[in-house]
Protein backbone atom coordinates (compact mmCIF):
# COMPACT_ATOMS: atom_id res chain seq x y z
CA UNK A 1 -0.15 -0.08 0.11
CA UNK A 2 2.62 2.51 0.83
CA UNK A 3 4.55 1.65 -2.40
CA UNK A 4 1.18 2.15 -4.10
CA UNK A 5 0.73 5.66 -2.74
CA UNK A 6 4.45 6.73 -3.41
CA UNK A 7 3.62 5.72 -6.88
CA UNK A 8 0.49 7.84 -7.36
CA UNK A 9 2.36 10.69 -5.84
CA UNK A 10 4.65 10.23 -8.26
CA UNK A 11 2.56 9.91 -10.89
CA UNK A 12 0.41 13.27 -9.86
CA UNK A 13 3.64 15.14 -9.57
CA UNK A 14 4.09 14.60 -13.46
CA UNK A 15 0.89 15.28 -14.53
CA UNK A 16 1.57 18.95 -15.52
CA UNK A 17 4.88 18.19 -17.15
CA UNK A 18 5.04 17.70 -21.06
CA UNK A 19 4.06 14.16 -22.53
CA UNK A 20 7.09 13.47 -24.65
CA UNK A 21 9.48 10.97 -24.78
CA UNK A 22 13.06 11.45 -23.55
CA UNK A 23 14.28 11.83 -27.09
CA UNK A 24 11.65 14.81 -27.38
CA UNK A 25 8.65 13.31 -29.73
CA UNK A 26 5.49 14.79 -28.25
CA UNK A 27 2.91 12.18 -27.75
CA UNK A 28 -0.54 14.34 -27.26
CA UNK A 29 -2.76 12.56 -24.50
CA UNK A 30 -6.33 13.51 -24.68
CA UNK A 31 -9.70 12.16 -22.42
CA UNK A 32 -12.75 10.84 -22.98
CA UNK A 33 -15.95 12.23 -21.21
CA UNK A 34 -19.33 12.17 -21.31
CA UNK A 35 -20.67 14.49 -18.58
CA UNK A 36 -19.75 16.68 -15.99
CA UNK A 37 -17.73 19.93 -16.85
CA UNK A 38 -16.54 20.48 -13.27
CA UNK A 39 -13.07 18.48 -13.88
CA UNK A 40 -12.48 20.56 -16.87
CA UNK A 41 -10.25 23.17 -15.17
CA UNK A 42 -7.74 20.52 -13.42
CA UNK A 43 -7.86 18.44 -16.78
CA UNK A 44 -7.05 21.45 -18.82
CA UNK A 45 -3.65 21.94 -17.96
CA UNK A 46 -3.10 18.19 -18.41
CA UNK A 47 -4.34 17.29 -21.70
CA UNK A 48 -4.53 18.62 -25.49
CA UNK A 49 -7.97 18.23 -25.49
CA UNK A 50 -11.22 15.94 -25.67
CA UNK A 51 -10.32 13.07 -27.87
CA UNK A 52 -14.06 11.62 -26.93
CA UNK A 53 -17.05 13.19 -25.91
CA UNK A 54 -19.84 10.75 -25.70
CA UNK A 55 -22.92 12.58 -26.07
CA UNK A 56 -25.31 9.71 -25.59
CA UNK A 57 -24.15 9.73 -21.73
CA UNK A 58 -26.87 12.97 -21.27
CA UNK A 59 -29.69 10.91 -23.20
CA UNK A 60 -29.23 7.90 -21.01
CA UNK A 61 -30.02 9.60 -17.97
CA UNK A 62 -32.71 11.73 -19.24
CA UNK A 63 -36.50 10.83 -19.26
CA UNK A 64 -36.82 11.70 -23.14
CA UNK A 65 -34.84 12.71 -25.80
CA UNK A 66 -33.11 16.03 -24.87
CA UNK A 67 -34.52 19.14 -26.88
CA UNK A 68 -32.49 20.99 -29.30
CA UNK A 69 -31.92 23.73 -26.69
CA UNK A 70 -31.22 21.41 -23.58
CA UNK A 71 -28.46 19.74 -26.12
CA UNK A 72 -27.02 23.16 -27.43
CA UNK A 73 -26.73 24.13 -23.48
CA UNK A 74 -24.65 20.65 -22.63
CA UNK A 75 -22.40 21.32 -25.68
CA UNK A 76 -21.67 24.78 -25.11
CA UNK A 77 -20.67 23.81 -21.33
CA UNK A 78 -18.37 21.11 -23.00
CA UNK A 79 -17.00 23.58 -25.34
CA UNK A 80 -16.68 26.78 -23.65
CA UNK A 81 -14.81 24.33 -20.62
CA UNK A 82 -12.53 23.21 -22.68
CA UNK A 83 -12.00 26.16 -25.48
CA UNK A 84 -9.11 26.50 -26.99
CA UNK A 85 -8.72 22.87 -27.06
CA UNK A 86 -10.52 20.81 -29.65
CA UNK A 87 -13.28 18.61 -28.14
CA UNK A 88 -14.20 15.66 -30.26
CA UNK A 89 -18.21 15.23 -30.29
CA UNK A 90 -19.68 11.63 -31.05
CA UNK A 91 -22.89 11.58 -32.28
CA UNK A 92 -25.36 9.75 -30.70
CA UNK A 93 -23.94 6.02 -30.08
CA UNK A 94 -26.89 3.43 -28.80
CA UNK A 95 -27.55 0.10 -29.27
CA UNK A 96 -25.43 -2.92 -28.22
CA UNK A 97 -24.93 -2.48 -24.32
CA UNK A 98 -26.35 1.40 -24.68
CA UNK A 99 -30.02 1.55 -24.25
CA UNK A 100 -32.21 4.64 -23.63
CA UNK A 101 -35.07 3.80 -21.38
CA UNK A 102 -37.45 5.44 -23.61
CA UNK A 103 -36.33 4.13 -26.90
CA UNK A 104 -35.62 0.24 -26.23
CA UNK A 105 -34.00 -1.58 -28.83
CA UNK A 106 -34.52 -5.35 -28.27
CA UNK A 107 -32.49 -7.63 -30.41
CA UNK A 108 -30.99 -11.16 -30.39
CA UNK A 109 -27.52 -10.18 -31.01
CA UNK A 110 -27.12 -6.45 -30.42
CA UNK A 111 -23.69 -5.80 -31.05
CA UNK A 112 -24.32 -6.88 -34.80
CA UNK A 113 -27.50 -5.02 -34.70
CA UNK A 114 -29.04 -1.59 -34.59
CA UNK A 115 -26.47 0.79 -33.57
CA UNK A 116 -24.53 4.00 -33.76
CA UNK A 117 -24.93 5.62 -37.06
CA UNK A 118 -27.44 2.99 -37.97
CA UNK A 119 -29.97 4.24 -35.73
CA UNK A 120 -29.36 7.98 -36.20
CA UNK A 121 -29.68 7.39 -40.23
CA UNK A 122 -32.81 5.86 -39.75
CA UNK A 123 -34.17 8.43 -37.56
CA UNK A 124 -32.48 11.64 -39.59
CA UNK A 125 -35.28 13.58 -37.30
CA UNK A 126 -33.10 12.81 -34.14
CA UNK A 127 -29.37 13.40 -35.75
CA UNK A 128 -31.02 16.67 -37.26
CA UNK A 129 -31.52 18.06 -34.09
CA UNK A 130 -28.43 16.80 -32.70
CA UNK A 131 -26.49 18.31 -35.47
CA UNK A 132 -28.39 21.73 -35.03
CA UNK A 133 -27.65 21.71 -31.33
CA UNK A 134 -23.74 20.94 -31.81
CA UNK A 135 -23.33 23.52 -34.45
CA UNK A 136 -25.52 26.23 -32.52
CA UNK A 137 -23.11 25.19 -29.45
CA UNK A 138 -19.82 25.97 -31.33
CA UNK A 139 -20.49 29.37 -32.58
CA UNK A 140 -17.55 31.61 -30.99
CA UNK A 141 -15.64 28.41 -29.55
CA UNK A 142 -15.09 27.17 -32.72
CA UNK A 143 -13.24 23.93 -31.40
CA UNK A 144 -15.90 21.18 -32.05
CA UNK A 145 -15.22 18.32 -34.15
CA UNK A 146 -17.60 15.75 -35.14
CA UNK A 147 -17.28 12.01 -35.39
CA UNK A 148 -19.31 9.48 -36.70
CA UNK A 149 -19.57 5.89 -34.55
CA UNK A 150 -19.87 2.67 -36.20
CA UNK A 151 -19.45 3.01 -39.69
CA UNK A 152 -19.32 0.19 -42.11
CA UNK A 153 -19.24 1.84 -45.63
CA UNK A 154 -19.47 5.22 -47.58
CA UNK A 155 -22.93 5.42 -48.04
CA UNK A 156 -23.36 6.18 -44.27
CA UNK A 157 -20.91 8.78 -44.17
CA UNK A 158 -22.43 10.67 -47.26
CA UNK A 159 -25.64 10.71 -45.77
CA UNK A 160 -24.49 11.83 -42.62
CA UNK A 161 -22.47 14.67 -44.46
CA UNK A 162 -25.73 15.46 -46.48
CA UNK A 163 -27.69 16.03 -42.91
CA UNK A 164 -24.64 18.09 -41.93
CA UNK A 165 -24.71 20.31 -44.97
CA UNK A 166 -28.40 20.56 -44.79
CA UNK A 167 -28.09 21.63 -40.55
CA UNK A 168 -25.55 24.24 -41.51
CA UNK A 169 -27.92 25.57 -44.36
CA UNK A 170 -30.70 25.84 -41.91
CA UNK A 171 -29.09 27.73 -39.38
CA UNK A 172 -27.61 30.10 -41.87
CA UNK A 173 -31.18 30.63 -43.19
CA UNK A 174 -32.30 31.37 -39.37
CA UNK A 175 -29.63 34.06 -39.05
CA UNK A 176 -27.08 31.72 -36.98
CA UNK A 177 -23.77 31.55 -39.10
CA UNK A 178 -21.62 28.45 -38.45
CA UNK A 179 -18.67 27.14 -39.31
CA UNK A 180 -18.26 23.23 -40.96
CA UNK A 181 -16.65 21.59 -38.25
CA UNK A 182 -13.59 18.95 -39.05
CA UNK A 183 -15.66 15.32 -39.56
CA UNK A 184 -13.86 12.06 -38.76
CA UNK A 185 -15.12 8.68 -38.48
CA UNK A 186 -14.72 5.76 -35.76
CA UNK A 187 -12.65 2.83 -36.88
CA UNK A 188 -14.13 0.01 -35.11
CA UNK A 189 -15.79 -2.47 -37.65
CA UNK A 190 -12.91 -4.25 -39.66
CA UNK A 191 -14.50 -3.30 -42.67
CA UNK A 192 -13.36 0.17 -42.56
CA UNK A 193 -10.08 -1.24 -42.51
CA UNK A 194 -10.43 -1.72 -46.22
CA UNK A 195 -12.00 1.60 -47.34
CA UNK A 196 -9.68 4.08 -45.94
CA UNK A 197 -8.41 5.80 -49.19
CA UNK A 198 -12.25 6.24 -49.98
CA UNK A 199 -12.88 7.39 -46.31
CA UNK A 200 -10.26 9.77 -46.25
CA UNK A 201 -11.61 11.64 -49.35
CA UNK A 202 -14.56 12.64 -47.17
CA UNK A 203 -13.45 13.11 -43.79
CA UNK A 204 -10.55 14.85 -42.31
CA UNK A 205 -9.40 12.16 -39.13
CA UNK A 206 -9.98 8.92 -37.96
CA UNK A 207 -10.54 7.69 -34.56
CA UNK A 208 -9.86 4.00 -33.42
CA UNK A 209 -12.45 2.65 -31.29
CA UNK A 210 -10.22 -0.08 -29.94
CA UNK A 211 -12.96 -1.77 -27.62
CA UNK A 212 -15.32 -2.59 -30.32
CA UNK A 213 -12.49 -3.30 -33.32
CA UNK A 214 -11.14 -5.93 -30.84
CA UNK A 215 -14.36 -7.40 -29.80
CA UNK A 216 -15.35 -7.64 -34.02
CA UNK A 217 -11.91 -8.92 -35.17
CA UNK A 218 -11.80 -11.78 -32.62
CA UNK A 219 -15.59 -12.50 -32.87
CA UNK A 220 -15.83 -12.02 -28.71
CA UNK A 221 -18.39 -10.79 -26.69
CA UNK A 222 -16.28 -9.28 -23.88
CA UNK A 223 -19.52 -8.97 -21.78
CA UNK A 224 -19.59 -12.82 -21.90
CA UNK A 225 -17.91 -14.71 -19.19
CA UNK A 226 -17.63 -17.78 -21.06
CA UNK A 227 -15.05 -16.03 -23.87
CA UNK A 228 -14.35 -12.95 -22.07
CA UNK A 229 -10.73 -14.21 -21.70
CA UNK A 230 -10.38 -14.31 -25.55
CA UNK A 231 -11.01 -10.34 -25.46
CA UNK A 232 -7.15 -9.33 -25.78
CA UNK A 233 -5.47 -6.20 -26.99
CA UNK A 234 -2.35 -8.12 -27.35
CA UNK A 235 -3.70 -10.72 -30.07
CA UNK A 236 -1.18 -10.49 -33.02
CA UNK A 237 -4.33 -10.05 -35.36
CA UNK A 238 -5.11 -6.71 -33.05
CA UNK A 239 -1.60 -5.32 -33.45
CA UNK A 240 -1.34 -6.04 -37.12
CA UNK A 241 -4.71 -4.11 -37.72
CA UNK A 242 -3.37 -1.28 -35.52
CA UNK A 243 -0.18 -0.94 -37.30
CA UNK A 244 -2.06 -1.23 -40.49
CA UNK A 245 -4.25 1.88 -39.71
CA UNK A 246 -1.23 4.02 -38.48
CA UNK A 247 0.64 3.07 -41.65
CA UNK A 248 -2.47 3.89 -43.71
CA UNK A 249 -3.40 7.07 -42.14
CA UNK A 250 0.27 8.43 -42.58
CA UNK A 251 -0.01 7.68 -46.35
CA UNK A 252 -2.96 9.53 -46.83
CA UNK A 253 -1.88 12.26 -44.64
CA UNK A 254 -5.07 12.11 -42.09
CA UNK A 255 -4.87 12.52 -38.25
CA UNK A 256 -5.20 9.31 -36.46
CA UNK A 257 -6.32 8.95 -32.68
CA UNK A 258 -6.99 5.77 -30.24
CA UNK A 259 -9.74 6.49 -27.93
CA UNK A 260 -10.57 2.91 -26.76
CA UNK A 261 -8.91 1.24 -23.51
CA UNK A 262 -5.65 0.04 -25.57
CA UNK A 263 -4.79 3.80 -25.53
CA UNK A 264 -5.06 3.80 -21.70
CA UNK A 265 -2.99 0.91 -20.91
CA UNK A 266 0.79 2.15 -20.49
CA UNK A 267 2.37 -0.69 -22.33
CA UNK A 268 -0.39 -0.66 -25.31
CA UNK A 269 0.50 3.16 -25.49
CA UNK A 270 3.99 2.52 -25.87
CA UNK A 271 2.99 0.14 -28.94
CA UNK A 272 0.94 2.71 -30.44
CA UNK A 273 3.02 5.44 -30.19
CA UNK A 274 5.87 3.13 -31.79
CA UNK A 275 3.29 2.26 -34.56
CA UNK A 276 2.99 6.17 -35.31
CA UNK A 277 -0.67 6.96 -33.62
CA UNK A 278 -0.98 10.78 -33.46
CA UNK A 279 -3.07 11.46 -30.25
CA UNK A 280 -4.08 8.73 -27.76
CA UNK A 281 -7.06 9.62 -25.77
CA UNK A 282 -8.40 7.44 -22.61
CA UNK A 283 -10.44 8.09 -19.13
CA UNK A 284 -9.03 10.53 -16.78
CA UNK A 285 -7.61 8.17 -14.31
CA UNK A 286 -5.71 6.65 -17.00
CA UNK A 287 -3.53 9.42 -17.65
CA UNK A 288 -1.19 9.38 -14.97
CA UNK A 289 0.54 6.03 -15.87
CA UNK A 290 0.48 6.53 -19.46
CA UNK A 291 2.39 9.96 -19.45
CA UNK A 292 4.70 8.67 -16.93
CA UNK A 293 5.54 5.52 -19.41
CA UNK A 294 5.93 8.10 -22.44
CA UNK A 295 8.29 10.29 -20.38
CA UNK A 296 10.82 7.47 -19.77
CA UNK A 297 11.24 5.98 -23.11
CA UNK A 298 12.43 7.04 -26.54
CA UNK A 299 10.46 7.10 -29.53
CA UNK A 300 13.17 4.39 -31.18
CA UNK A 301 12.60 1.94 -28.20
CA UNK A 302 8.85 2.22 -28.63
CA UNK A 303 9.46 1.44 -32.44
CA UNK A 304 11.83 -1.45 -31.64
CA UNK A 305 9.09 -2.88 -29.21
CA UNK A 306 6.45 -2.73 -31.69
CA UNK A 307 8.67 -4.84 -34.27
CA UNK A 308 9.89 -7.30 -31.59
CA UNK A 309 5.95 -7.69 -30.54
CA UNK A 310 4.71 -8.04 -34.00
CA UNK A 311 7.13 -10.92 -34.52
CA UNK A 312 5.53 -12.79 -31.95
CA UNK A 313 2.26 -15.43 -32.45
CA UNK A 314 0.21 -15.15 -29.41
CA UNK A 315 -1.31 -12.83 -27.29
CA UNK A 316 0.47 -14.74 -24.15
CA UNK A 317 4.01 -14.17 -25.76
CA UNK A 318 3.03 -10.53 -26.50
CA UNK A 319 2.36 -10.12 -22.83
CA UNK A 320 5.23 -11.83 -21.71
CA UNK A 321 7.74 -9.89 -23.72
CA UNK A 322 6.15 -6.55 -22.82
CA UNK A 323 6.62 -7.24 -18.93
CA UNK A 324 9.96 -8.32 -19.56
CA UNK A 325 11.04 -5.62 -21.78
CA UNK A 326 9.07 -2.69 -19.43
CA UNK A 327 11.17 -4.36 -16.24
CA UNK A 328 14.12 -3.93 -17.91
CA UNK A 329 13.12 -0.18 -18.45
CA UNK A 330 11.97 0.09 -14.70
CA UNK A 331 8.56 0.74 -15.73
CA UNK A 332 7.05 -2.53 -14.53
CA UNK A 333 5.37 -0.43 -11.46
CA UNK A 334 3.36 0.84 -14.43
CA UNK A 335 1.80 -2.09 -15.94
CA UNK A 336 -1.99 -2.72 -15.39
CA UNK A 337 -3.19 -5.88 -13.56
CA UNK A 338 -4.51 -8.51 -16.24
CA UNK A 339 -8.02 -8.97 -15.42
């Protein structure tokens, strides 16, 4: 307990130091959030922005769909609290394991069903209200970016962009002049790995939702205790997919971030940095360990870590290798315990 307390004090001390490697490579860290802005003041000095604002959280605690005015106020609070830092707002992402009490979705296999962009495009009136609210909230802040979840094909992106243009046009006709925000897509369905060129012609950035991407790559429902142990971010196929995404985004000259739990695991964060991801976004409690790990390695060492890890053939071999290497670097105390 004393060792853990000493570690926490050390990590807290470093929270306002730059997130960069010992050879000077900056690795921006962002935060995932969904509700309160009361921690924004403390967080602002420690992060490069909000990499994922989960707009569904206010919907989940409401008794009905929030009105345009209510949503505008919520989004404005977020944008003002973190300004001038960027805030990436994901459009309503329900379905799967996220239900609204006033909009029930009952399916035999919800993770392969009606969720994310599929729901909001089938109910464009819901998406239009949200887009209008986001645009209205961003006036004067100009730090809002838009993220589309659960994209599997280009038609979904095109349809969403048409609704965005319509929302901008409607507001302009009402005398509210808004800027078109940068738009990105969540890479969380394996199909998107093979459509990056066409997606890059339509959007400004990519954000990897590693939780769902791992689930779909490995055909594992991580909420099912019988197979949850098979859900593993160190699986060689997961590492190969992530490295592919980083390479392709660099080739396409599109910023790419990771906003799933992989980003908040110190060992995985070093791998992601070595692969070439531009930004890592995580829940606030993960920031201290990840920052500490980044500040204690070089970018070249992280790249070597990637090469060695990707030469291994099983998740357990990758995990053992990472534990050994981080131990050699005196970073074993930063590793997260295996669930």
